[in-house]
Amino acid sequence: MSENEGTESNAKNPTDLTFRDTEELTRFVTDTGKILPRKYTGLTSKQQRHISRVIKQSRSMLLMK
């Protein structure tokens, strides 16, 4: 197993995401556009609130559906 394989530290920190990062934000949304709950995303409460806020901003700017 390589050094970087299977580690979450390589993933972008969810609190660093902005409304312009639509490709990254799609990981936290279902196919129908609903925001996934913490149970499935594995985020902390603070991160989940941030992701929800950013997704809603992205939707209002018509960058996401």
PDB file of N, CA and C in Angstrom:
ATOM      1  N   MET A   1       0.842  -1.172   0.000  1.00  0.00           N
ATOM      2  CA  MET A   1       0.000   0.000   0.000  1.00  0.00           C
ATOM      3  C   MET A   1       0.890   1.239   0.000  1.00  0.00           C
ATOM      4  N   SER A   2       0.605   2.174  -0.888  1.00  0.00           N
ATOM      5  CA  SER A   2       1.422   3.375  -0.968  1.00  0.00           C
ATOM      6  C   SER A   2       1.124   4.304   0.207  1.00  0.00           C
ATOM      7  N   GLU A   3       1.978   5.274   0.370  1.00  0.00           N
ATOM      8  CA  GLU A   3       1.867   6.182   1.506  1.00  0.00           C
ATOM      9  C   GLU A   3       0.587   7.019   1.473  1.00  0.00           C
ATOM     10  N   ASN A   4       0.154   7.449   0.284  1.00  0.00           N
ATOM     11  CA  ASN A   4      -1.007   8.329   0.165  1.00  0.00           C
ATOM     12  C   ASN A   4      -2.315   7.583  -0.012  1.00  0.00           C
ATOM     13  N   GLU A   5      -2.252   6.305  -0.256  1.00  0.00           N
ATOM     14  CA  GLU A   5      -3.458   5.541  -0.567  1.00  0.00           C
ATOM     15  C   GLU A   5      -4.329   5.349   0.670  1.00  0.00           C
ATOM     16  N   GLY A   6      -5.605   5.667   0.525  1.00  0.00           N
ATOM     17  CA  GLY A   6      -6.561   5.399   1.586  1.00  0.00           C
ATOM     18  C   GLY A   6      -6.546   6.358   2.752  1.00  0.00           C
ATOM     19  N   THR A   7      -5.920   7.512   2.596  1.00  0.00           N
ATOM     20  CA  THR A   7      -5.928   8.467   3.701  1.00  0.00           C
ATOM     21  C   THR A   7      -6.873   9.608   3.393  1.00  0.00           C
ATOM     22  N   GLU A   8      -7.558  10.084   4.417  1.00  0.00           N
ATOM     23  CA  GLU A   8      -8.487  11.194   4.265  1.00  0.00           C
ATOM     24  C   GLU A   8      -7.759  12.532   4.277  1.00  0.00           C
ATOM     25  N   SER A   9      -6.504  12.552   4.724  1.00  0.00           N
ATOM     26  CA  SER A   9      -5.784  13.816   4.813  1.00  0.00           C
ATOM     27  C   SER A   9      -5.532  14.429   3.443  1.00  0.00           C
ATOM     28  N   ASN A  10      -5.596  13.628   2.384  1.00  0.00           N
ATOM     29  CA  ASN A  10      -5.402  14.147   1.035  1.00  0.00           C
ATOM     30  C   ASN A  10      -6.626  14.893   0.538  1.00  0.00           C
ATOM     31  N   ALA A  11      -7.779  14.629   1.127  1.00  0.00           N
ATOM     32  CA  ALA A  11      -9.018  15.279   0.709  1.00  0.00           C
ATOM     33  C   ALA A  11      -8.997  16.741   1.145  1.00  0.00           C
ATOM     34  N   LYS A  12      -9.674  17.567   0.366  1.00  0.00           N
ATOM     35  CA  LYS A  12      -9.752  18.991   0.684  1.00  0.00           C
ATOM     36  C   LYS A  12     -10.599  19.182   1.939  1.00  0.00           C
ATOM     37  N   ASN A  13     -10.138  20.045   2.831  1.00  0.00           N
ATOM     38  CA  ASN A  13     -10.858  20.323   4.069  1.00  0.00           C
ATOM     39  C   ASN A  13     -12.214  20.948   3.730  1.00  0.00           C
ATOM     40  N   PRO A  14     -13.312  20.386   4.201  1.00  0.00           N
ATOM     41  CA  PRO A  14     -14.643  20.900   3.864  1.00  0.00           C
ATOM     42  C   PRO A  14     -14.856  22.360   4.247  1.00  0.00           C
ATOM     43  N   THR A  15     -14.185  22.840   5.275  1.00  0.00           N
ATOM     44  CA  THR A  15     -14.377  24.235   5.669  1.00  0.00           C
ATOM     45  C   THR A  15     -13.645  25.197   4.741  1.00  0.00           C
ATOM     46  N   ASP A  16     -12.785  24.692   3.863  1.00  0.00           N
ATOM     47  CA  ASP A  16     -12.083  25.537   2.898  1.00  0.00           C
ATOM     48  C   ASP A  16     -12.857  25.692   1.595  1.00  0.00           C
ATOM     49  N   LEU A  17     -13.941  24.950   1.431  1.00  0.00           N
ATOM     50  CA  LEU A  17     -14.710  25.010   0.192  1.00  0.00           C
ATOM     51  C   LEU A  17     -15.512  26.304   0.110  1.00  0.00           C
ATOM     52  N   THR A  18     -15.635  26.819  -1.108  1.00  0.00           N
ATOM     53  CA  THR A  18     -16.462  28.000  -1.341  1.00  0.00           C
ATOM     54  C   THR A  18     -17.579  27.626  -2.300  1.00  0.00           C
ATOM     55  N   PHE A  19     -18.496  28.557  -2.547  1.00  0.00           N
ATOM     56  CA  PHE A  19     -19.634  28.272  -3.421  1.00  0.00           C
ATOM     57  C   PHE A  19     -19.199  28.029  -4.863  1.00  0.00           C
ATOM     58  N   ARG A  20     -17.978  28.390  -5.222  1.00  0.00           N
ATOM     59  CA  ARG A  20     -17.481  28.181  -6.586  1.00  0.00           C
ATOM     60  C   ARG A  20     -16.947  26.768  -6.817  1.00  0.00           C
ATOM     61  N   ASP A  21     -16.721  26.001  -5.757  1.00  0.00           N
ATOM     62  CA  ASP A  21     -16.175  24.644  -5.869  1.00  0.00           C
ATOM     63  C   ASP A  21     -17.291  23.631  -6.095  1.00  0.00           C
ATOM     64  N   THR A  22     -18.005  23.764  -7.196  1.00  0.00           N
ATOM     65  CA  THR A  22     -19.191  22.940  -7.428  1.00  0.00           C
ATOM     66  C   THR A  22     -18.855  21.461  -7.585  1.00  0.00           C
ATOM     67  N   GLU A  23     -17.723  21.147  -8.183  1.00  0.00           N
ATOM     68  CA  GLU A  23     -17.355  19.738  -8.358  1.00  0.00           C
ATOM     69  C   GLU A  23     -17.115  19.065  -7.015  1.00  0.00           C
ATOM     70  N   GLU A  24     -16.483  19.763  -6.099  1.00  0.00           N
ATOM     71  CA  GLU A  24     -16.240  19.220  -4.763  1.00  0.00           C
ATOM     72  C   GLU A  24     -17.541  19.138  -3.960  1.00  0.00           C
ATOM     73  N   LEU A  25     -18.408  20.114  -4.137  1.00  0.00           N
ATOM     74  CA  LEU A  25     -19.660  20.153  -3.370  1.00  0.00           C
ATOM     75  C   LEU A  25     -20.622  19.046  -3.774  1.00  0.00           C
ATOM     76  N   THR A  26     -20.499  18.532  -4.988  1.00  0.00           N
ATOM     77  CA  THR A  26     -21.407  17.472  -5.429  1.00  0.00           C
ATOM     78  C   THR A  26     -21.224  16.191  -4.618  1.00  0.00           C
ATOM     79  N   ARG A  27     -20.109  16.054  -3.915  1.00  0.00           N
ATOM     80  CA  ARG A  27     -19.908  14.885  -3.040  1.00  0.00           C
ATOM     81  C   ARG A  27     -20.881  14.894  -1.867  1.00  0.00           C
ATOM     82  N   PHE A  28     -21.392  16.069  -1.522  1.00  0.00           N
ATOM     83  CA  PHE A  28     -22.255  16.226  -0.357  1.00  0.00           C
ATOM     84  C   PHE A  28     -23.721  16.371  -0.727  1.00  0.00           C
ATOM     85  N   VAL A  29     -24.069  16.084  -1.986  1.00  0.00           N
ATOM     86  CA  VAL A  29     -25.432  16.251  -2.477  1.00  0.00           C
ATOM     87  C   VAL A  29     -25.856  14.973  -3.192  1.00  0.00           C
ATOM     88  N   THR A  30     -27.147  14.598  -3.051  1.00  0.00           N
ATOM     89  CA  THR A  30     -27.669  13.424  -3.756  1.00  0.00           C
ATOM     90  C   THR A  30     -27.903  13.764  -5.224  1.00  0.00           C
ATOM     91  N   ASP A  31     -28.283  12.759  -6.011  1.00  0.00           N
ATOM     92  CA  ASP A  31     -28.578  12.971  -7.425  1.00  0.00           C
ATOM     93  C   ASP A  31     -29.766  13.908  -7.614  1.00  0.00           C
ATOM     94  N   THR A  32     -30.680  13.894  -6.658  1.00  0.00           N
ATOM     95  CA  THR A  32     -31.857  14.760  -6.749  1.00  0.00           C
ATOM     96  C   THR A  32     -31.604  16.156  -6.178  1.00  0.00           C
ATOM     97  N   GLY A  33     -30.418  16.403  -5.633  1.00  0.00           N
ATOM     98  CA  GLY A  33     -30.061  17.732  -5.156  1.00  0.00           C
ATOM     99  C   GLY A  33     -30.187  17.953  -3.669  1.00  0.00           C
ATOM    100  N   LYS A  34     -30.554  16.919  -2.919  1.00  0.00           N
ATOM    101  CA  LYS A  34     -30.685  17.078  -1.470  1.00  0.00           C
ATOM    102  C   LYS A  34     -29.307  16.999  -0.808  1.00  0.00           C
ATOM    103  N   ILE A  35     -29.126  17.790   0.238  1.00  0.00           N
ATOM    104  CA  ILE A  35     -27.875  17.778   0.985  1.00  0.00           C
ATOM    105  C   ILE A  35     -27.837  16.522   1.844  1.00  0.00           C
ATOM    106  N   LEU A  36     -26.732  15.789   1.769  1.00  0.00           N
ATOM    107  CA  LEU A  36     -26.594  14.557   2.541  1.00  0.00           C
ATOM    108  C   LEU A  36     -26.424  14.873   4.024  1.00  0.00           C
ATOM    109  N   PRO A  37     -27.004  14.051   4.905  1.00  0.00           N
ATOM    110  CA  PRO A  37     -26.857  14.275   6.346  1.00  0.00           C
ATOM    111  C   PRO A  37     -25.466  13.864   6.834  1.00  0.00           C
ATOM    112  N   ARG A  38     -25.135  14.305   8.024  1.00  0.00           N
ATOM    113  CA  ARG A  38     -23.835  14.002   8.632  1.00  0.00           C
ATOM    114  C   ARG A  38     -23.580  12.507   8.731  1.00  0.00           C
ATOM    115  N   LYS A  39     -24.630  11.763   8.931  1.00  0.00           N
ATOM    116  CA  LYS A  39     -24.531  10.310   9.069  1.00  0.00           C
ATOM    117  C   LYS A  39     -23.799   9.695   7.871  1.00  0.00           C
ATOM    118  N   TYR A  40     -24.036  10.240   6.690  1.00  0.00           N
ATOM    119  CA  TYR A  40     -23.440   9.700   5.469  1.00  0.00           C
ATOM    120  C   TYR A  40     -22.153  10.408   5.064  1.00  0.00           C
ATOM    121  N   THR A  41     -22.024  11.686   5.401  1.00  0.00           N
ATOM    122  CA  THR A  41     -20.832  12.425   4.993  1.00  0.00           C
ATOM    123  C   THR A  41     -19.684  12.261   5.975  1.00  0.00           C
ATOM    124  N   GLY A  42     -20.013  12.005   7.245  1.00  0.00           N
ATOM    125  CA  GLY A  42     -18.973  11.837   8.250  1.00  0.00           C
ATOM    126  C   GLY A  42     -18.356  13.157   8.702  1.00  0.00           C
ATOM    127  N   LEU A  43     -19.052  14.264   8.470  1.00  0.00           N
ATOM    128  CA  LEU A  43     -18.545  15.573   8.855  1.00  0.00           C
ATOM    129  C   LEU A  43     -18.920  15.902  10.293  1.00  0.00           C
ATOM    130  N   THR A  44     -18.186  16.845  10.869  1.00  0.00           N
ATOM    131  CA  THR A  44     -18.551  17.346  12.191  1.00  0.00           C
ATOM    132  C   THR A  44     -19.724  18.310  12.034  1.00  0.00           C
ATOM    133  N   SER A  45     -20.322  18.709  13.143  1.00  0.00           N
ATOM    134  CA  SER A  45     -21.457  19.640  13.098  1.00  0.00           C
ATOM    135  C   SER A  45     -21.068  20.955  12.435  1.00  0.00           C
ATOM    136  N   LYS A  46     -19.923  21.474  12.812  1.00  0.00           N
ATOM    137  CA  LYS A  46     -19.453  22.743  12.262  1.00  0.00           C
ATOM    138  C   LYS A  46     -19.225  22.628  10.755  1.00  0.00           C
ATOM    139  N   GLN A  47     -18.588  21.535  10.324  1.00  0.00           N
ATOM    140  CA  GLN A  47     -18.333  21.332   8.899  1.00  0.00           C
ATOM    141  C   GLN A  47     -19.639  21.171   8.129  1.00  0.00           C
ATOM    142  N   GLN A  48     -20.607  20.449   8.708  1.00  0.00           N
ATOM    143  CA  GLN A  48     -21.892  20.225   8.046  1.00  0.00           C
ATOM    144  C   GLN A  48     -22.644  21.544   7.863  1.00  0.00           C
ATOM    145  N   ARG A  49     -22.624  22.389   8.882  1.00  0.00           N
ATOM    146  CA  ARG A  49     -23.271  23.698   8.767  1.00  0.00           C
ATOM    147  C   ARG A  49     -22.615  24.538   7.678  1.00  0.00           C
ATOM    148  N   HIS A  50     -21.289  24.493   7.619  1.00  0.00           N
ATOM    149  CA  HIS A  50     -20.561  25.242   6.588  1.00  0.00           C
ATOM    150  C   HIS A  50     -20.906  24.726   5.196  1.00  0.00           C
ATOM    151  N   ILE A  51     -20.884  23.409   5.022  1.00  0.00           N
ATOM    152  CA  ILE A  51     -21.195  22.807   3.721  1.00  0.00           C
ATOM    153  C   ILE A  51     -22.619  23.161   3.304  1.00  0.00           C
ATOM    154  N   SER A  52     -23.561  23.081   4.225  1.00  0.00           N
ATOM    155  CA  SER A  52     -24.953  23.420   3.913  1.00  0.00           C
ATOM    156  C   SER A  52     -25.071  24.868   3.458  1.00  0.00           C
ATOM    157  N   ARG A  53     -24.410  25.761   4.166  1.00  0.00           N
ATOM    158  CA  ARG A  53     -24.446  27.181   3.821  1.00  0.00           C
ATOM    159  C   ARG A  53     -23.840  27.422   2.439  1.00  0.00           C
ATOM    160  N   VAL A  54     -22.707  26.778   2.159  1.00  0.00           N
ATOM    161  CA  VAL A  54     -22.015  26.965   0.882  1.00  0.00           C
ATOM    162  C   VAL A  54     -22.838  26.385  -0.271  1.00  0.00           C
ATOM    163  N   ILE A  55     -23.461  25.235  -0.061  1.00  0.00           N
ATOM    164  CA  ILE A  55     -24.299  24.630  -1.102  1.00  0.00           C
ATOM    165  C   ILE A  55     -25.483  25.539  -1.409  1.00  0.00           C
ATOM    166  N   LYS A  56     -26.096  26.094  -0.378  1.00  0.00           N
ATOM    167  CA  LYS A  56     -27.231  26.998  -0.587  1.00  0.00           C
ATOM    168  C   LYS A  56     -26.799  28.271  -1.321  1.00  0.00           C
ATOM    169  N   GLN A  57     -25.605  28.775  -1.017  1.00  0.00           N
ATOM    170  CA  GLN A  57     -25.080  29.936  -1.741  1.00  0.00           C
ATOM    171  C   GLN A  57     -24.858  29.593  -3.209  1.00  0.00           C
ATOM    172  N   SER A  58     -24.296  28.422  -3.450  1.00  0.00           N
ATOM    173  CA  SER A  58     -24.024  27.984  -4.814  1.00  0.00           C
ATOM    174  C   SER A  58     -25.318  27.820  -5.602  1.00  0.00           C
ATOM    175  N   ARG A  59     -26.348  27.309  -4.947  1.00  0.00           N
ATOM    176  CA  ARG A  59     -27.653  27.169  -5.602  1.00  0.00           C
ATOM    177  C   ARG A  59     -28.237  28.535  -5.945  1.00  0.00           C
ATOM    178  N   SER A  60     -28.121  29.486  -5.032  1.00  0.00           N
ATOM    179  CA  SER A  60     -28.694  30.812  -5.278  1.00  0.00           C
ATOM    180  C   SER A  60     -27.956  31.555  -6.391  1.00  0.00           C
ATOM    181  N   MET A  61     -26.688  31.227  -6.603  1.00  0.00           N
ATOM    182  CA  MET A  61     -25.918  31.819  -7.700  1.00  0.00           C
ATOM    183  C   MET A  61     -26.106  31.035  -9.001  1.00  0.00           C
ATOM    184  N   LEU A  62     -26.965  30.007  -8.945  1.00  0.00           N
ATOM    185  CA  LEU A  62     -27.272  29.140 -10.089  1.00  0.00           C
ATOM    186  C   LEU A  62     -26.060  28.379 -10.610  1.00  0.00           C
ATOM    187  N   LEU A  63     -25.128  28.059  -9.709  1.00  0.00           N
ATOM    188  CA  LEU A  63     -23.978  27.247 -10.080  1.00  0.00           C
ATOM    189  C   LEU A  63     -24.265  25.764  -9.879  1.00  0.00           C
ATOM    190  N   MET A  64     -25.213  25.470  -8.983  1.00  0.00           N
ATOM    191  CA  MET A  64     -25.628  24.093  -8.704  1.00  0.00           C
ATOM    192  C   MET A  64     -27.136  24.002  -8.802  1.00  0.00           C
ATOM    193  N   LYS A  65     -27.623  22.781  -9.016  1.00  0.00           N
ATOM    194  CA  LYS A  65     -29.074  22.557  -9.033  1.00  0.00           C
ATOM    195  C   LYS A  65     -29.528  22.036  -7.698  1.00  0.00           C
TER     196      LYS A  65
END
